[in-house]
Amino acid sequence: MASKDPATKESATYKKMLEDVELIISEINSPQLDLDLLVNKIETGYDLIKKMRSRLDETKSKVEKLRADFE
């Protein structure tokens, strides 16, 4: 069985992180959410957002390098 393209896997991972953040946002809007669980979900959300920002920065650098090499 052939392995997936790494770029496709990275996109799927980023998409999964985005879905997780969106789920967390919907969960923390629940008035029944326990305070401790709320704090835990917010921490998890911020960790995911940090990872997503890092991935975007890496991607931006790669694209800029490719563009510079092409010119």
C-alpha atoms as a PDB file:
ATOM      1  CA  MET A   1       0.000   0.000   0.000  1.00  0.00           C
ATOM      2  CA  ALA A   2       1.378   3.397  -0.984  1.00  0.00           C
ATOM      3  CA  SER A   3       1.939   6.002   1.704  1.00  0.00           C
ATOM      4  CA  LYS A   4       0.085   9.290   1.615  1.00  0.00           C
ATOM      5  CA  ASP A   5       1.701  12.450   0.340  1.00  0.00           C
ATOM      6  CA  PRO A   6       3.215  14.268   3.388  1.00  0.00           C
ATOM      7  CA  ALA A   7       1.574  17.540   2.334  1.00  0.00           C
ATOM      8  CA  THR A   8      -1.819  15.827   2.283  1.00  0.00           C
ATOM      9  CA  LYS A   9      -1.167  14.372   5.736  1.00  0.00           C
ATOM     10  CA  GLU A  10      -0.125  17.798   7.063  1.00  0.00           C
ATOM     11  CA  SER A  11      -3.285  19.378   5.651  1.00  0.00           C
ATOM     12  CA  ALA A  12      -5.406  16.668   7.230  1.00  0.00           C
ATOM     13  CA  THR A  13      -3.674  17.202  10.565  1.00  0.00           C
ATOM     14  CA  TYR A  14      -4.203  20.966  10.364  1.00  0.00           C
ATOM     15  CA  LYS A  15      -7.829  20.411   9.426  1.00  0.00           C
ATOM     16  CA  LYS A  16      -8.247  18.082  12.418  1.00  0.00           C
ATOM     17  CA  MET A  17      -6.748  20.700  14.751  1.00  0.00           C
ATOM     18  CA  LEU A  18      -9.150  23.298  13.348  1.00  0.00           C
ATOM     19  CA  GLU A  19     -12.102  20.961  13.868  1.00  0.00           C
ATOM     20  CA  ASP A  20     -10.947  20.335  17.450  1.00  0.00           C
ATOM     21  CA  VAL A  21     -10.754  24.080  18.153  1.00  0.00           C
ATOM     22  CA  GLU A  22     -14.222  24.591  16.693  1.00  0.00           C
ATOM     23  CA  LEU A  23     -15.569  21.777  18.886  1.00  0.00           C
ATOM     24  CA  ILE A  24     -13.949  23.301  21.970  1.00  0.00           C
ATOM     25  CA  ILE A  25     -15.526  26.658  21.160  1.00  0.00           C
ATOM     26  CA  SER A  26     -18.955  25.090  20.926  1.00  0.00           C
ATOM     27  CA  GLU A  27     -18.405  23.145  24.168  1.00  0.00           C
ATOM     28  CA  ILE A  28     -17.247  26.129  26.221  1.00  0.00           C
ATOM     29  CA  ASN A  29     -20.401  28.005  25.248  1.00  0.00           C
ATOM     30  CA  SER A  30     -22.439  25.469  27.223  1.00  0.00           C
ATOM     31  CA  PRO A  31     -23.784  26.935  30.477  1.00  0.00           C
ATOM     32  CA  GLN A  32     -23.629  23.466  32.106  1.00  0.00           C
ATOM     33  CA  LEU A  33     -19.869  23.115  31.674  1.00  0.00           C
ATOM     34  CA  ASP A  34     -17.968  22.626  34.934  1.00  0.00           C
ATOM     35  CA  LEU A  35     -15.477  25.426  35.694  1.00  0.00           C
ATOM     36  CA  ASP A  36     -12.480  23.067  35.921  1.00  0.00           C
ATOM     37  CA  LEU A  37     -13.418  21.408  32.644  1.00  0.00           C
ATOM     38  CA  LEU A  38     -13.883  24.836  31.083  1.00  0.00           C
ATOM     39  CA  VAL A  39     -10.349  25.851  32.065  1.00  0.00           C
ATOM     40  CA  ASN A  40      -8.972  22.560  30.723  1.00  0.00           C
ATOM     41  CA  LYS A  41     -10.737  23.003  27.389  1.00  0.00           C
ATOM     42  CA  ILE A  42      -9.524  26.596  27.070  1.00  0.00           C
ATOM     43  CA  GLU A  43      -5.927  25.487  27.748  1.00  0.00           C
ATOM     44  CA  THR A  44      -6.270  22.751  25.139  1.00  0.00           C
ATOM     45  CA  GLY A  45      -7.713  25.234  22.662  1.00  0.00           C
ATOM     46  CA  TYR A  46      -4.842  27.669  23.164  1.00  0.00           C
ATOM     47  CA  ASP A  47      -2.300  24.855  22.746  1.00  0.00           C
ATOM     48  CA  LEU A  48      -3.932  23.843  19.470  1.00  0.00           C
ATOM     49  CA  ILE A  49      -3.976  27.441  18.250  1.00  0.00           C
ATOM     50  CA  LYS A  50      -0.256  27.796  19.033  1.00  0.00           C
ATOM     51  CA  LYS A  51       0.472  24.652  17.005  1.00  0.00           C
ATOM     52  CA  MET A  52      -1.679  25.906  14.159  1.00  0.00           C
ATOM     53  CA  ARG A  53       0.098  29.278  14.112  1.00  0.00           C
ATOM     54  CA  SER A  54       3.440  27.510  14.063  1.00  0.00           C
ATOM     55  CA  ARG A  55       2.329  25.368  11.116  1.00  0.00           C
ATOM     56  CA  LEU A  56       1.121  28.458   9.262  1.00  0.00           C
ATOM     57  CA  ASP A  57       4.438  30.227   9.882  1.00  0.00           C
ATOM     58  CA  GLU A  58       6.362  27.183   8.628  1.00  0.00           C
ATOM     59  CA  THR A  59       4.190  26.991   5.535  1.00  0.00           C
ATOM     60  CA  LYS A  60       4.592  30.709   4.858  1.00  0.00           C
ATOM     61  CA  SER A  61       8.389  30.368   5.093  1.00  0.00           C
ATOM     62  CA  LYS A  62       8.381  27.419   2.698  1.00  0.00           C
ATOM     63  CA  VAL A  63       6.232  29.280   0.175  1.00  0.00           C
ATOM     64  CA  GLU A  64       8.419  32.384   0.391  1.00  0.00           C
ATOM     65  CA  LYS A  65      11.537  30.256  -0.130  1.00  0.00           C
ATOM     66  CA  LEU A  66       9.991  28.499  -3.119  1.00  0.00           C
ATOM     67  CA  ARG A  67       8.938  31.833  -4.607  1.00  0.00           C
ATOM     68  CA  ALA A  68      12.429  33.305  -4.075  1.00  0.00           C
ATOM     69  CA  ASP A  69      14.030  30.234  -5.693  1.00  0.00           C
ATOM     70  CA  PHE A  70      11.702  30.549  -8.654  1.00  0.00           C
ATOM     71  CA  GLU A  71      12.437  34.217  -9.331  1.00  0.00           C
END
